[in-house]
Amino acid sequence: MKIITVCGSLKFKAEMMEISLQMELLGNVVLIPIFPLNDNGVLSENEINMLGNMHKEKIKLSDAILVVDVNGYIGNSTKNEIALAKSLDKEIIYLSDLVKG
């Protein structure tokens, strides 16, 4: 069992939820980003910063991160999360590699 934090663009919410379920069914503990309740949800800058900081804490708690890189897309925030994970010597798993294998 691993603790895995899912990282990726929020535009891939459906893919992130799907892979999270699959990883939990394999016996892992999965930490996911918080998604707005609806597409019209507006968060303040302070709330966005707080959620970003909490996501970094999830990475620190994890054994690994799972990067949801649909069609090879990795945005700037996700690149920063990968850099943080690397600096903490965390395993980095890419969805694209799981799909291939």
Protein backbone atom coordinates (compact mmCIF):
# COMPACT_ATOMS: atom_id res chain seq x y z
CA MET A 1 0.00 0.00 0.00
CA LYS A 2 1.18 3.47 -0.92
CA ILE A 3 -0.12 6.93 -0.13
CA ILE A 4 -0.47 8.66 -3.51
CA THR A 5 -1.36 12.27 -4.24
CA VAL A 6 -3.00 12.87 -7.61
CA CYS A 7 -1.68 15.93 -9.48
CA GLY A 8 -2.81 17.47 -12.73
CA SER A 9 -4.87 20.15 -14.38
CA LEU A 10 -8.34 20.55 -12.91
CA LYS A 11 -9.69 20.41 -16.46
CA PHE A 12 -8.99 16.67 -16.20
CA LYS A 13 -11.26 16.26 -13.17
CA ALA A 14 -13.05 13.23 -14.62
CA GLU A 15 -9.79 11.46 -15.42
CA MET A 16 -8.41 12.31 -11.98
CA MET A 17 -11.46 10.84 -10.26
CA GLU A 18 -11.35 7.70 -12.43
CA ILE A 19 -7.67 6.95 -11.79
CA SER A 20 -8.12 7.73 -8.08
CA LEU A 21 -10.80 5.08 -7.82
CA GLN A 22 -8.65 2.57 -9.72
CA MET A 23 -5.64 3.23 -7.49
CA GLU A 24 -7.72 2.86 -4.31
CA LEU A 25 -9.18 -0.41 -5.60
CA LEU A 26 -5.57 -1.61 -5.91
CA GLY A 27 -5.14 -0.98 -2.17
CA ASN A 28 -3.58 2.50 -2.15
CA VAL A 29 -4.59 5.54 -0.13
CA VAL A 30 -5.27 8.34 -2.62
CA LEU A 31 -5.24 12.06 -1.87
CA ILE A 32 -6.88 14.27 -4.48
CA PRO A 33 -7.17 18.02 -5.05
CA ILE A 34 -10.32 19.78 -3.91
CA PHE A 35 -12.60 20.62 -6.84
CA PRO A 36 -15.13 23.48 -6.87
CA LEU A 37 -18.63 22.11 -6.29
CA ASN A 38 -19.78 23.49 -9.62
CA ASP A 39 -18.30 25.20 -12.64
CA ASN A 40 -19.57 28.57 -11.40
CA GLY A 41 -17.79 28.26 -8.05
CA VAL A 42 -15.63 31.28 -7.43
CA LEU A 43 -12.87 31.11 -4.85
CA SER A 44 -11.03 34.07 -3.39
CA GLU A 45 -7.31 34.44 -3.97
CA ASN A 46 -6.73 33.54 -0.31
CA GLU A 47 -8.81 30.37 -0.67
CA ILE A 48 -6.96 29.39 -3.84
CA ASN A 49 -3.61 29.92 -2.09
CA MET A 50 -4.76 27.93 0.94
CA LEU A 51 -5.87 25.00 -1.23
CA GLY A 52 -2.57 25.12 -3.11
CA ASN A 53 -0.65 24.99 0.15
CA MET A 54 -2.77 22.11 1.40
CA HIS A 55 -2.08 20.22 -1.84
CA LYS A 56 1.66 20.65 -1.22
CA GLU A 57 1.16 19.20 2.26
CA LYS A 58 -0.58 16.20 0.68
CA ILE A 59 2.50 15.69 -1.51
CA LYS A 60 4.73 15.83 1.57
CA LEU A 61 2.61 13.14 3.26
CA SER A 62 2.66 10.88 0.22
CA ASP A 63 4.94 8.09 -0.89
CA ALA A 64 4.30 9.04 -4.52
CA ILE A 65 2.45 11.42 -6.80
CA LEU A 66 0.40 10.36 -9.78
CA VAL A 67 0.53 12.91 -12.60
CA VAL A 68 -2.60 12.94 -14.73
CA ASP A 69 -0.95 13.96 -18.02
CA VAL A 70 -3.80 13.55 -20.51
CA ASN A 71 -2.43 13.86 -24.06
CA GLY A 72 0.95 14.73 -22.54
CA TYR A 73 -0.35 17.96 -21.00
CA ILE A 74 1.43 19.12 -17.85
CA GLY A 75 0.68 22.70 -16.78
CA ASN A 76 2.88 25.02 -14.76
CA SER A 77 1.27 24.20 -11.40
CA THR A 78 1.71 20.51 -12.03
CA LYS A 79 5.33 21.07 -13.08
CA ASN A 80 5.87 22.80 -9.72
CA GLU A 81 4.25 19.85 -7.92
CA ILE A 82 6.55 17.44 -9.77
CA ALA A 83 9.57 19.55 -8.77
CA LEU A 84 8.43 19.49 -5.14
CA ALA A 85 7.96 15.72 -5.25
CA LYS A 86 11.41 15.26 -6.79
CA SER A 87 12.99 17.48 -4.12
CA LEU A 88 11.38 15.28 -1.47
CA ASP A 89 12.53 12.09 -3.24
CA LYS A 90 8.96 10.92 -3.89
CA GLU A 91 8.09 8.38 -6.55
CA ILE A 92 6.52 10.00 -9.61
CA ILE A 93 3.98 8.00 -11.59
CA TYR A 94 2.61 9.29 -14.89
CA LEU A 95 -0.86 8.29 -16.08
CA SER A 96 0.50 8.07 -19.63
CA ASP A 97 2.95 5.36 -18.49
CA LEU A 98 0.17 3.41 -16.75
CA VAL A 99 -1.98 3.55 -19.89
CA LYS A 100 0.91 2.26 -22.04
CA GLY A 101 1.76 -0.56 -19.66
